[in-house]
Full PDB file with SEQRES, HELIX, SHEET, SSBOND, CRYST1, ORIGX, SCALE, CONECT and MASTER records, all heavy atoms in Angstrom:
SEQRES   1 A   41  LEU GLN MET ASN SER LEU LYS PRO GLU ASP THR ALA VAL          
SEQRES   2 A   41  TYR TYR CYS ALA ALA VAL VAL GLY SER TYR ILE TYR THR          
SEQRES   3 A   41  ARG GLU ALA SER TYR ASP TYR TRP GLY GLN GLY THR GLN          
SEQRES   4 A   41  VAL THR                                                      
HELIX    1 AA1 PRO A    8  ASP A   10  5                                   3    
HELIX    2 AA2 GLU A   28  SER A   30  5                                   3    
SHEET    1 AA1 2 ALA A  12  TYR A  14  0                                        
SHEET    2 AA1 2 THR A  38  VAL A  40 -1                                        
SHEET    1 AA2 2 ALA A  17  ALA A  18  0                                        
SHEET    2 AA2 2 TYR A  33  TRP A  34 -1                                        
CRYST1    1.000    1.000    1.000  90.00  90.00  90.00 P 1           1          
ORIGX1      1.000000  0.000000  0.000000        0.00000                         
ORIGX2      0.000000  1.000000  0.000000        0.00000                         
ORIGX3      0.000000  0.000000  1.000000        0.00000                         
SCALE1      1.000000  0.000000  0.000000        0.00000                         
SCALE2      0.000000  1.000000  0.000000        0.00000                         
SCALE3      0.000000  0.000000  1.000000        0.00000                         
ATOM      1  N   LEU A   1       6.079-217.752  78.599  1.00  0.00           N  
ATOM      2  CA  LEU A   1       6.193-217.055  77.331  1.00  0.00           C  
ATOM      3  C   LEU A   1       4.846-217.142  76.628  1.00  0.00           C  
ATOM      4  O   LEU A   1       4.474-218.203  76.125  1.00  0.00           O  
ATOM      5  CB  LEU A   1       7.293-217.652  76.452  1.00  0.00           C  
ATOM      6  CG  LEU A   1       7.572-216.890  75.155  1.00  0.00           C  
ATOM      7  CD1 LEU A   1       8.184-215.526  75.458  1.00  0.00           C  
ATOM      8  CD2 LEU A   1       8.484-217.692  74.233  1.00  0.00           C  
ATOM      9  N   GLN A   2       4.120-216.036  76.629  1.00  0.00           N  
ATOM     10  CA  GLN A   2       2.854-215.957  75.919  1.00  0.00           C  
ATOM     11  C   GLN A   2       3.135-215.582  74.479  1.00  0.00           C  
ATOM     12  O   GLN A   2       3.734-214.538  74.209  1.00  0.00           O  
ATOM     13  CB  GLN A   2       1.938-214.918  76.572  1.00  0.00           C  
ATOM     14  CG  GLN A   2       0.605-214.724  75.864  1.00  0.00           C  
ATOM     15  CD  GLN A   2      -0.275-215.938  75.940  1.00  0.00           C  
ATOM     16  OE1 GLN A   2      -0.442-216.511  77.009  1.00  0.00           O  
ATOM     17  NE2 GLN A   2      -0.840-216.344  74.810  1.00  0.00           N  
ATOM     18  N   MET A   3       2.714-216.421  73.549  1.00  0.00           N  
ATOM     19  CA  MET A   3       2.996-216.229  72.133  1.00  0.00           C  
ATOM     20  C   MET A   3       1.679-216.028  71.394  1.00  0.00           C  
ATOM     21  O   MET A   3       0.846-216.933  71.339  1.00  0.00           O  
ATOM     22  CB  MET A   3       3.755-217.424  71.566  1.00  0.00           C  
ATOM     23  CG  MET A   3       5.034-217.759  72.327  1.00  0.00           C  
ATOM     24  SD  MET A   3       5.986-219.090  71.555  1.00  0.00           S  
ATOM     25  CE  MET A   3       4.835-220.454  71.769  1.00  0.00           C  
ATOM     26  N   ASN A   4       1.502-214.852  70.822  1.00  0.00           N  
ATOM     27  CA  ASN A   4       0.316-214.515  70.064  1.00  0.00           C  
ATOM     28  C   ASN A   4       0.681-214.250  68.608  1.00  0.00           C  
ATOM     29  O   ASN A   4       1.838-214.014  68.275  1.00  0.00           O  
ATOM     30  CB  ASN A   4      -0.371-213.282  70.650  1.00  0.00           C  
ATOM     31  CG  ASN A   4      -0.851-213.481  72.064  1.00  0.00           C  
ATOM     32  OD1 ASN A   4      -1.258-214.581  72.451  1.00  0.00           O  
ATOM     33  ND2 ASN A   4      -0.824-212.411  72.859  1.00  0.00           N  
ATOM     34  N   SER A   5      -0.327-214.270  67.758  1.00  0.00           N  
ATOM     35  CA  SER A   5      -0.135-214.000  66.327  1.00  0.00           C  
ATOM     36  C   SER A   5       1.002-214.827  65.755  1.00  0.00           C  
ATOM     37  O   SER A   5       1.883-214.321  65.059  1.00  0.00           O  
ATOM     38  CB  SER A   5       0.115-212.506  66.097  1.00  0.00           C  
ATOM     39  OG  SER A   5      -0.960-211.726  66.581  1.00  0.00           O  
ATOM     40  N   LEU A   6       0.986-216.102  66.038  1.00  0.00           N  
ATOM     41  CA  LEU A   6       2.081-216.979  65.646  1.00  0.00           C  
ATOM     42  C   LEU A   6       2.184-217.102  64.132  1.00  0.00           C  
ATOM     43  O   LEU A   6       1.178-217.105  63.421  1.00  0.00           O  
ATOM     44  CB  LEU A   6       1.913-218.349  66.278  1.00  0.00           C  
ATOM     45  CG  LEU A   6       2.288-218.405  67.764  1.00  0.00           C  
ATOM     46  CD1 LEU A   6       1.697-219.641  68.418  1.00  0.00           C  
ATOM     47  CD2 LEU A   6       3.806-218.376  67.920  1.00  0.00           C  
ATOM     48  N   LYS A   7       3.417-217.216  63.668  1.00  0.00           N  
ATOM     49  CA  LYS A   7       3.733-217.343  62.259  1.00  0.00           C  
ATOM     50  C   LYS A   7       4.450-218.664  62.013  1.00  0.00           C  
ATOM     51  O   LYS A   7       5.079-219.207  62.919  1.00  0.00           O  
ATOM     52  CB  LYS A   7       4.635-216.188  61.811  1.00  0.00           C  
ATOM     53  CG  LYS A   7       4.088-214.801  62.098  1.00  0.00           C  
ATOM     54  CD  LYS A   7       5.119-213.737  61.752  1.00  0.00           C  
ATOM     55  CE  LYS A   7       4.596-212.345  62.051  1.00  0.00           C  
ATOM     56  NZ  LYS A   7       5.608-211.299  61.737  1.00  0.00           N  
ATOM     57  N   PRO A   8       4.395-219.184  60.788  1.00  0.00           N  
ATOM     58  CA  PRO A   8       5.120-220.427  60.503  1.00  0.00           C  
ATOM     59  C   PRO A   8       6.607-220.349  60.848  1.00  0.00           C  
ATOM     60  O   PRO A   8       7.184-221.353  61.271  1.00  0.00           O  
ATOM     61  CB  PRO A   8       4.903-220.623  59.000  1.00  0.00           C  
ATOM     62  CG  PRO A   8       3.581-219.978  58.746  1.00  0.00           C  
ATOM     63  CD  PRO A   8       3.555-218.773  59.647  1.00  0.00           C  
ATOM     64  N   GLU A   9       7.221-219.188  60.694  1.00  0.00           N  
ATOM     65  CA  GLU A   9       8.633-219.049  61.012  1.00  0.00           C  
ATOM     66  C   GLU A   9       8.927-219.103  62.503  1.00  0.00           C  
ATOM     67  O   GLU A   9      10.094-219.122  62.903  1.00  0.00           O  
ATOM     68  CB  GLU A   9       9.210-217.758  60.411  1.00  0.00           C  
ATOM     69  CG  GLU A   9       8.428-216.510  60.775  1.00  0.00           C  
ATOM     70  CD  GLU A   9       7.468-216.076  59.682  1.00  0.00           C  
ATOM     71  OE1 GLU A   9       6.771-216.950  59.125  1.00  0.00           O  
ATOM     72  OE2 GLU A   9       7.421-214.872  59.378  1.00  0.00           O  
ATOM     73  N   ASP A  10       7.894-219.123  63.340  1.00  0.00           N  
ATOM     74  CA  ASP A  10       8.077-219.324  64.772  1.00  0.00           C  
ATOM     75  C   ASP A  10       8.259-220.794  65.126  1.00  0.00           C  
ATOM     76  O   ASP A  10       8.550-221.119  66.285  1.00  0.00           O  
ATOM     77  CB  ASP A  10       6.890-218.770  65.558  1.00  0.00           C  
ATOM     78  CG  ASP A  10       6.761-217.261  65.443  1.00  0.00           C  
ATOM     79  OD1 ASP A  10       7.793-216.564  65.490  1.00  0.00           O  
ATOM     80  OD2 ASP A  10       5.618-216.776  65.317  1.00  0.00           O  
ATOM     81  N   THR A  11       8.076-221.677  64.165  1.00  0.00           N  
ATOM     82  CA  THR A  11       8.223-223.104  64.406  1.00  0.00           C  
ATOM     83  C   THR A  11       9.646-223.418  64.854  1.00  0.00           C  
ATOM     84  O   THR A  11      10.614-223.087  64.166  1.00  0.00           O  
ATOM     85  CB  THR A  11       7.880-223.906  63.148  1.00  0.00           C  
ATOM     86  OG1 THR A  11       6.499-223.721  62.833  1.00  0.00           O  
ATOM     87  CG2 THR A  11       8.154-225.386  63.351  1.00  0.00           C  
ATOM     88  N   ALA A  12       9.777-224.056  66.006  1.00  0.00           N  
ATOM     89  CA  ALA A  12      11.083-224.365  66.572  1.00  0.00           C  
ATOM     90  C   ALA A  12      10.896-225.113  67.880  1.00  0.00           C  
ATOM     91  O   ALA A  12       9.787-225.207  68.411  1.00  0.00           O  
ATOM     92  CB  ALA A  12      11.888-223.084  66.824  1.00  0.00           C  
ATOM     93  N   VAL A  13      11.992-225.638  68.395  1.00  0.00           N  
ATOM     94  CA  VAL A  13      12.027-226.104  69.771  1.00  0.00           C  
ATOM     95  C   VAL A  13      12.379-224.914  70.643  1.00  0.00           C  
ATOM     96  O   VAL A  13      13.373-224.227  70.393  1.00  0.00           O  
ATOM     97  CB  VAL A  13      13.055-227.238  69.969  1.00  0.00           C  
ATOM     98  CG1 VAL A  13      13.126-227.636  71.441  1.00  0.00           C  
ATOM     99  CG2 VAL A  13      12.689-228.436  69.114  1.00  0.00           C  
ATOM    100  N   TYR A  14      11.574-224.667  71.652  1.00  0.00           N  
ATOM    101  CA  TYR A  14      11.771-223.536  72.540  1.00  0.00           C  
ATOM    102  C   TYR A  14      12.403-223.993  73.842  1.00  0.00           C  
ATOM    103  O   TYR A  14      11.933-224.947  74.473  1.00  0.00           O  
ATOM    104  CB  TYR A  14      10.443-222.826  72.809  1.00  0.00           C  
ATOM    105  CG  TYR A  14      10.007-221.963  71.652  1.00  0.00           C  
ATOM    106  CD1 TYR A  14       9.559-222.538  70.471  1.00  0.00           C  
ATOM    107  CD2 TYR A  14      10.069-220.571  71.730  1.00  0.00           C  
ATOM    108  CE1 TYR A  14       9.186-221.747  69.397  1.00  0.00           C  
ATOM    109  CE2 TYR A  14       9.687-219.775  70.667  1.00  0.00           C  
ATOM    110  CZ  TYR A  14       9.253-220.373  69.497  1.00  0.00           C  
ATOM    111  OH  TYR A  14       8.873-219.587  68.435  1.00  0.00           O  
ATOM    112  N   TYR A  15      13.465-223.304  74.242  1.00  0.00           N  
ATOM    113  CA  TYR A  15      14.227-223.654  75.426  1.00  0.00           C  
ATOM    114  C   TYR A  15      14.165-222.546  76.464  1.00  0.00           C  
ATOM    115  O   TYR A  15      14.282-221.364  76.131  1.00  0.00           O  
ATOM    116  CB  TYR A  15      15.698-223.892  75.077  1.00  0.00           C  
ATOM    117  CG  TYR A  15      15.950-225.070  74.168  1.00  0.00           C  
ATOM    118  CD1 TYR A  15      15.975-224.918  72.791  1.00  0.00           C  
ATOM    119  CD2 TYR A  15      16.172-226.336  74.699  1.00  0.00           C  
ATOM    120  CE1 TYR A  15      16.215-225.987  71.954  1.00  0.00           C  
ATOM    121  CE2 TYR A  15      16.412-227.412  73.871  1.00  0.00           C  
ATOM    122  CZ  TYR A  15      16.435-227.233  72.500  1.00  0.00           C  
ATOM    123  OH  TYR A  15      16.679-228.305  71.680  1.00  0.00           O  
ATOM    124  N   CYS A  16      14.017-222.937  77.697  1.00  0.00           N  
ATOM    125  CA  CYS A  16      14.121-222.045  78.838  1.00  0.00           C  
ATOM    126  C   CYS A  16      15.546-222.101  79.376  1.00  0.00           C  
ATOM    127  O   CYS A  16      16.174-223.161  79.383  1.00  0.00           O  
ATOM    128  CB  CYS A  16      13.121-222.472  79.908  1.00  0.00           C  
ATOM    129  SG  CYS A  16      13.150-221.495  81.418  1.00  0.00           S  
ATOM    130  N   ALA A  17      16.061-220.961  79.822  1.00  0.00           N  
ATOM    131  CA  ALA A  17      17.419-220.893  80.338  1.00  0.00           C  
ATOM    132  C   ALA A  17      17.476-219.989  81.558  1.00  0.00           C  
ATOM    133  O   ALA A  17      16.662-219.076  81.709  1.00  0.00           O  
ATOM    134  CB  ALA A  17      18.380-220.379  79.263  1.00  0.00           C  
ATOM    135  N   ALA A  18      18.463-220.237  82.423  1.00  0.00           N  
ATOM    136  CA  ALA A  18      18.605-219.487  83.661  1.00  0.00           C  
ATOM    137  C   ALA A  18      20.063-219.162  83.936  1.00  0.00           C  
ATOM    138  O   ALA A  18      20.961-219.927  83.576  1.00  0.00           O  
ATOM    139  CB  ALA A  18      18.030-220.277  84.835  1.00  0.00           C  
ATOM    140  N   VAL A  19      20.278-218.035  84.588  1.00  0.00           N  
ATOM    141  CA  VAL A  19      21.608-217.642  85.032  1.00  0.00           C  
ATOM    142  C   VAL A  19      21.458-216.788  86.283  1.00  0.00           C  
ATOM    143  O   VAL A  19      20.524-215.982  86.386  1.00  0.00           O  
ATOM    144  CB  VAL A  19      22.375-216.875  83.933  1.00  0.00           C  
ATOM    145  CG1 VAL A  19      21.633-215.611  83.512  1.00  0.00           C  
ATOM    146  CG2 VAL A  19      23.785-216.544  84.385  1.00  0.00           C  
ATOM    147  N   VAL A  20      22.359-216.984  87.245  1.00  0.00           N  
ATOM    148  CA  VAL A  20      22.370-216.129  88.424  1.00  0.00           C  
ATOM    149  C   VAL A  20      22.877-214.763  87.999  1.00  0.00           C  
ATOM    150  O   VAL A  20      24.006-214.626  87.528  1.00  0.00           O  
ATOM    151  CB  VAL A  20      23.252-216.715  89.535  1.00  0.00           C  
ATOM    152  CG1 VAL A  20      23.316-215.752  90.716  1.00  0.00           C  
ATOM    153  CG2 VAL A  20      22.713-218.063  89.987  1.00  0.00           C  
ATOM    154  N   GLY A  21      22.052-213.757  88.148  1.00  0.00           N  
ATOM    155  CA  GLY A  21      22.437-212.424  87.730  1.00  0.00           C  
ATOM    156  C   GLY A  21      21.332-211.433  87.991  1.00  0.00           C  
ATOM    157  O   GLY A  21      20.220-211.787  88.390  1.00  0.00           O  
ATOM    158  N   SER A  22      21.645-210.169  87.729  1.00  0.00           N  
ATOM    159  CA  SER A  22      20.720-209.081  88.018  1.00  0.00           C  
ATOM    160  C   SER A  22      20.266-208.340  86.774  1.00  0.00           C  
ATOM    161  O   SER A  22      19.549-207.345  86.890  1.00  0.00           O  
ATOM    162  CB  SER A  22      21.376-208.079  88.971  1.00  0.00           C  
ATOM    163  OG  SER A  22      21.754-208.698  90.185  1.00  0.00           O  
ATOM    164  N   TYR A  23      20.654-208.821  85.593  1.00  0.00           N  
ATOM    165  CA  TYR A  23      20.384-208.102  84.368  1.00  0.00           C  
ATOM    166  C   TYR A  23      19.624-208.975  83.385  1.00  0.00           C  
ATOM    167  O   TYR A  23      19.289-210.118  83.671  1.00  0.00           O  
ATOM    168  CB  TYR A  23      21.707-207.622  83.750  1.00  0.00           C  
ATOM    169  CG  TYR A  23      22.589-206.891  84.724  1.00  0.00           C  
ATOM    170  CD1 TYR A  23      23.704-207.507  85.275  1.00  0.00           C  
ATOM    171  CD2 TYR A  23      22.295-205.590  85.107  1.00  0.00           C  
ATOM    172  CE1 TYR A  23      24.519-206.846  86.178  1.00  0.00           C  
ATOM    173  CE2 TYR A  23      23.098-204.920  86.014  1.00  0.00           C  
ATOM    174  CZ  TYR A  23      24.211-205.551  86.543  1.00  0.00           C  
ATOM    175  OH  TYR A  23      24.997-204.876  87.443  1.00  0.00           O  
ATOM    176  N   ILE A  24      19.355-208.426  82.216  1.00  0.00           N  
ATOM    177  CA  ILE A  24      18.787-209.190  81.122  1.00  0.00           C  
ATOM    178  C   ILE A  24      19.923-209.599  80.195  1.00  0.00           C  
ATOM    179  O   ILE A  24      20.869-208.841  79.984  1.00  0.00           O  
ATOM    180  CB  ILE A  24      17.707-208.397  80.362  1.00  0.00           C  
ATOM    181  CG1 ILE A  24      18.242-207.023  79.916  1.00  0.00           C  
ATOM    182  CG2 ILE A  24      16.473-208.224  81.240  1.00  0.00           C  
ATOM    183  CD1 ILE A  24      17.278-206.258  79.031  1.00  0.00           C  
ATOM    184  N   TYR A  25      19.818-210.800  79.646  1.00  0.00           N  
ATOM    185  CA  TYR A  25      20.898-211.365  78.844  1.00  0.00           C  
ATOM    186  C   TYR A  25      20.326-211.904  77.543  1.00  0.00           C  
ATOM    187  O   TYR A  25      19.322-212.613  77.544  1.00  0.00           O  
ATOM    188  CB  TYR A  25      21.609-212.478  79.609  1.00  0.00           C  
ATOM    189  CG  TYR A  25      22.120-212.033  80.954  1.00  0.00           C  
ATOM    190  CD1 TYR A  25      21.359-212.214  82.102  1.00  0.00           C  
ATOM    191  CD2 TYR A  25      23.370-211.430  81.079  1.00  0.00           C  
ATOM    192  CE1 TYR A  25      21.821-211.796  83.338  1.00  0.00           C  
ATOM    193  CE2 TYR A  25      23.841-211.014  82.313  1.00  0.00           C  
ATOM    194  CZ  TYR A  25      23.064-211.201  83.440  1.00  0.00           C  
ATOM    195  OH  TYR A  25      23.528-210.788  84.671  1.00  0.00           O  
ATOM    196  N   THR A  26      20.980-211.584  76.441  1.00  0.00           N  
ATOM    197  CA  THR A  26      20.518-211.991  75.120  1.00  0.00           C  
ATOM    198  C   THR A  26      21.412-213.030  74.458  1.00  0.00           C  
ATOM    199  O   THR A  26      21.045-213.566  73.417  1.00  0.00           O  
ATOM    200  CB  THR A  26      20.412-210.782  74.186  1.00  0.00           C  
ATOM    201  OG1 THR A  26      21.706-210.193  73.996  1.00  0.00           O  
ATOM    202  CG2 THR A  26      19.474-209.733  74.782  1.00  0.00           C  
ATOM    203  N   ARG A  27      22.561-213.318  75.042  1.00  0.00           N  
ATOM    204  CA  ARG A  27      23.502-214.262  74.440  1.00  0.00           C  
ATOM    205  C   ARG A  27      23.372-215.640  75.068  1.00  0.00           C  
ATOM    206  O   ARG A  27      23.269-215.782  76.284  1.00  0.00           O  
ATOM    207  CB  ARG A  27      24.936-213.755  74.575  1.00  0.00           C  
ATOM    208  CG  ARG A  27      25.220-212.497  73.772  1.00  0.00           C  
ATOM    209  CD  ARG A  27      26.655-212.047  73.949  1.00  0.00           C  
ATOM    210  NE  ARG A  27      27.009-210.960  73.053  1.00  0.00           N  
ATOM    211  CZ  ARG A  27      26.770-209.684  73.305  1.00  0.00           C  
ATOM    212  NH1 ARG A  27      26.177-209.319  74.428  1.00  0.00           N  
ATOM    213  NH2 ARG A  27      27.127-208.757  72.418  1.00  0.00           N  
ATOM    214  N   GLU A  28      23.404-216.648  74.232  1.00  0.00           N  
ATOM    215  CA  GLU A  28      23.310-218.025  74.688  1.00  0.00           C  
ATOM    216  C   GLU A  28      24.379-218.350  75.720  1.00  0.00           C  
ATOM    217  O   GLU A  28      24.117-219.039  76.711  1.00  0.00           O  
ATOM    218  CB  GLU A  28      23.424-218.966  73.488  1.00  0.00           C  
ATOM    219  CG  GLU A  28      23.349-220.444  73.832  1.00  0.00           C  
ATOM    220  CD  GLU A  28      23.469-221.319  72.600  1.00  0.00           C  
ATOM    221  OE1 GLU A  28      23.576-220.771  71.480  1.00  0.00           O  
ATOM    222  OE2 GLU A  28      23.452-222.561  72.746  1.00  0.00           O  
ATOM    223  N   ALA A  29      25.595-217.831  75.513  1.00  0.00           N  
ATOM    224  CA  ALA A  29      26.714-218.150  76.386  1.00  0.00           C  
ATOM    225  C   ALA A  29      26.554-217.564  77.781  1.00  0.00           C  
ATOM    226  O   ALA A  29      27.282-217.957  78.696  1.00  0.00           O  
ATOM    227  CB  ALA A  29      28.013-217.658  75.760  1.00  0.00           C  
ATOM    228  N   SER A  30      25.631-216.641  77.970  1.00  0.00           N  
ATOM    229  CA  SER A  30      25.429-216.034  79.276  1.00  0.00           C  
ATOM    230  C   SER A  30      24.710-216.957  80.250  1.00  0.00           C  
ATOM    231  O   SER A  30      24.768-216.733  81.457  1.00  0.00           O  
ATOM    232  CB  SER A  30      24.636-214.733  79.146  1.00  0.00           C  
ATOM    233  OG  SER A  30      25.363-213.769  78.392  1.00  0.00           O  
ATOM    234  N   TYR A  31      24.035-217.967  79.744  1.00  0.00           N  
ATOM    235  CA  TYR A  31      23.185-218.819  80.572  1.00  0.00           C  
ATOM    236  C   TYR A  31      23.886-220.100  80.988  1.00  0.00           C  
ATOM    237  O   TYR A  31      24.600-220.720  80.198  1.00  0.00           O  
ATOM    238  CB  TYR A  31      21.885-219.128  79.837  1.00  0.00           C  
ATOM    239  CG  TYR A  31      21.015-217.906  79.679  1.00  0.00           C  
ATOM    240  CD1 TYR A  31      21.175-217.045  78.599  1.00  0.00           C  
ATOM    241  CD2 TYR A  31      20.051-217.597  80.631  1.00  0.00           C  
ATOM    242  CE1 TYR A  31      20.397-215.904  78.470  1.00  0.00           C  
ATOM    243  CE2 TYR A  31      19.265-216.464  80.510  1.00  0.00           C  
ATOM    244  CZ  TYR A  31      19.446-215.623  79.429  1.00  0.00           C  
ATOM    245  OH  TYR A  31      18.666-214.490  79.310  1.00  0.00           O  
ATOM    246  N   ASP A  32      23.655-220.494  82.227  1.00  0.00           N  
ATOM    247  CA  ASP A  32      24.303-221.673  82.797  1.00  0.00           C  
ATOM    248  C   ASP A  32      23.420-222.913  82.795  1.00  0.00           C  
ATOM    249  O   ASP A  32      23.939-224.033  82.789  1.00  0.00           O  
ATOM    250  CB  ASP A  32      24.733-221.391  84.240  1.00  0.00           C  
ATOM    251  CG  ASP A  32      25.785-220.306  84.337  1.00  0.00           C  
ATOM    252  OD1 ASP A  32      26.709-220.301  83.505  1.00  0.00           O  
ATOM    253  OD2 ASP A  32      25.687-219.463  85.254  1.00  0.00           O  
ATOM    254  N   TYR A  33      22.113-222.732  82.818  1.00  0.00           N  
ATOM    255  CA  TYR A  33      21.186-223.853  82.949  1.00  0.00           C  
ATOM    256  C   TYR A  33      20.150-223.808  81.852  1.00  0.00           C  
ATOM    257  O   TYR A  33      19.631-222.741  81.501  1.00  0.00           O  
ATOM    258  CB  TYR A  33      20.505-223.829  84.325  1.00  0.00           C  
ATOM    259  CG  TYR A  33      21.484-223.758  85.465  1.00  0.00           C  
ATOM    260  CD1 TYR A  33      21.716-222.565  86.130  1.00  0.00           C  
ATOM    261  CD2 TYR A  33      22.187-224.888  85.866  1.00  0.00           C  
ATOM    262  CE1 TYR A  33      22.626-222.492  87.172  1.00  0.00           C  
ATOM    263  CE2 TYR A  33      23.099-224.826  86.901  1.00  0.00           C  
ATOM    264  CZ  TYR A  33      23.314-223.625  87.553  1.00  0.00           C  
ATOM    265  OH  TYR A  33      24.219-223.561  88.582  1.00  0.00           O  
ATOM    266  N   TRP A  34      19.807-224.993  81.326  1.00  0.00           N  
ATOM    267  CA  TRP A  34      18.890-225.109  80.206  1.00  0.00           C  
ATOM    268  C   TRP A  34      17.883-226.219  80.426  1.00  0.00           C  
ATOM    269  O   TRP A  34      18.201-227.264  80.999  1.00  0.00           O  
ATOM    270  CB  TRP A  34      19.660-225.398  78.915  1.00  0.00           C  
ATOM    271  CG  TRP A  34      20.540-224.269  78.497  1.00  0.00           C  
ATOM    272  CD1 TRP A  34      21.802-224.007  78.940  1.00  0.00           C  
ATOM    273  CD2 TRP A  34      20.224-223.247  77.554  1.00  0.00           C  
ATOM    274  NE1 TRP A  34      22.294-222.870  78.332  1.00  0.00           N  
ATOM    275  CE2 TRP A  34      21.351-222.387  77.477  1.00  0.00           C  
ATOM    276  CE3 TRP A  34      19.106-222.971  76.769  1.00  0.00           C  
ATOM    277  CZ2 TRP A  34      21.377-221.273  76.639  1.00  0.00           C  
ATOM    278  CZ3 TRP A  34      19.130-221.866  75.939  1.00  0.00           C  
ATOM    279  CH2 TRP A  34      20.257-221.037  75.882  1.00  0.00           C  
ATOM    280  N   GLY A  35      16.661-225.995  79.964  1.00  0.00           N  
ATOM    281  CA  GLY A  35      15.662-227.039  79.959  1.00  0.00           C  
ATOM    282  C   GLY A  35      15.820-227.943  78.751  1.00  0.00           C  
ATOM    283  O   GLY A  35      16.702-227.755  77.907  1.00  0.00           O  
ATOM    284  N   GLN A  36      14.950-228.948  78.662  1.00  0.00           N  
ATOM    285  CA  GLN A  36      15.036-229.933  77.586  1.00  0.00           C  
ATOM    286  C   GLN A  36      14.373-229.468  76.296  1.00  0.00           C  
ATOM    287  O   GLN A  36      14.580-230.074  75.243  1.00  0.00           O  
ATOM    288  CB  GLN A  36      14.408-231.255  78.042  1.00  0.00           C  
ATOM    289  CG  GLN A  36      12.887-231.343  77.903  1.00  0.00           C  
ATOM    290  CD  GLN A  36      12.126-230.468  78.884  1.00  0.00           C  
ATOM    291  OE1 GLN A  36      12.678-229.994  79.880  1.00  0.00           O  
ATOM    292  NE2 GLN A  36      10.838-230.257  78.610  1.00  0.00           N  
ATOM    293  N   GLY A  37      13.582-228.427  76.363  1.00  0.00           N  
ATOM    294  CA  GLY A  37      12.917-227.883  75.196  1.00  0.00           C  
ATOM    295  C   GLY A  37      11.509-228.407  75.012  1.00  0.00           C  
ATOM    296  O   GLY A  37      11.166-229.503  75.453  1.00  0.00           O  
ATOM    297  N   THR A  38      10.687-227.610  74.339  1.00  0.00           N  
ATOM    298  CA  THR A  38       9.334-228.009  73.985  1.00  0.00           C  
ATOM    299  C   THR A  38       9.055-227.567  72.553  1.00  0.00           C  
ATOM    300  O   THR A  38       9.404-226.460  72.157  1.00  0.00           O  
ATOM    301  CB  THR A  38       8.299-227.421  74.966  1.00  0.00           C  
ATOM    302  OG1 THR A  38       6.998-227.930  74.666  1.00  0.00           O  
ATOM    303  CG2 THR A  38       8.267-225.899  74.910  1.00  0.00           C  
ATOM    304  N   GLN A  39       8.448-228.451  71.771  1.00  0.00           N  
ATOM    305  CA  GLN A  39       8.244-228.203  70.346  1.00  0.00           C  
ATOM    306  C   GLN A  39       7.041-227.312  70.110  1.00  0.00           C  
ATOM    307  O   GLN A  39       5.955-227.555  70.641  1.00  0.00           O  
ATOM    308  CB  GLN A  39       8.057-229.529  69.601  1.00  0.00           C  
ATOM    309  CG  GLN A  39       7.766-229.376  68.110  1.00  0.00           C  
ATOM    310  CD  GLN A  39       8.966-228.885  67.332  1.00  0.00           C  
ATOM    311  OE1 GLN A  39      10.062-229.419  67.478  1.00  0.00           O  
ATOM    312  NE2 GLN A  39       8.755-227.852  66.506  1.00  0.00           N  
ATOM    313  N   VAL A  40       7.232-226.296  69.283  1.00  0.00           N  
ATOM    314  CA  VAL A  40       6.154-225.437  68.814  1.00  0.00           C  
ATOM    315  C   VAL A  40       6.112-225.526  67.299  1.00  0.00           C  
ATOM    316  O   VAL A  40       7.115-225.266  66.629  1.00  0.00           O  
ATOM    317  CB  VAL A  40       6.352-223.976  69.249  1.00  0.00           C  
ATOM    318  CG1 VAL A  40       5.319-223.069  68.583  1.00  0.00           C  
ATOM    319  CG2 VAL A  40       6.273-223.858  70.756  1.00  0.00           C  
ATOM    320  N   THR A  41       4.966-225.901  66.757  1.00  0.00           N  
ATOM    321  CA  THR A  41       4.786-226.008  65.317  1.00  0.00           C  
ATOM    322  C   THR A  41       3.621-225.132  64.895  1.00  0.00           C  
ATOM    323  O   THR A  41       2.505-225.282  65.399  1.00  0.00           O  
ATOM    324  CB  THR A  41       4.527-227.463  64.899  1.00  0.00           C  
ATOM    325  OG1 THR A  41       5.618-228.290  65.308  1.00  0.00           O  
ATOM    326  CG2 THR A  41       4.369-227.564  63.387  1.00  0.00           C  
TER     327      THR A  41                                                      
MASTER        0    0    0    2    4    0    0    6  326    1    0    4          
END                                                                             
């Protein structure tokens, strides 16, 4: 995830997620696997 022109409101823990599938998914419940997160301030 390349993040440019960052704003203060982008501050958060960012999580990577994965699901076996062929489409794009925007809902949290669609994903089966999650990383531990990385802090962006």
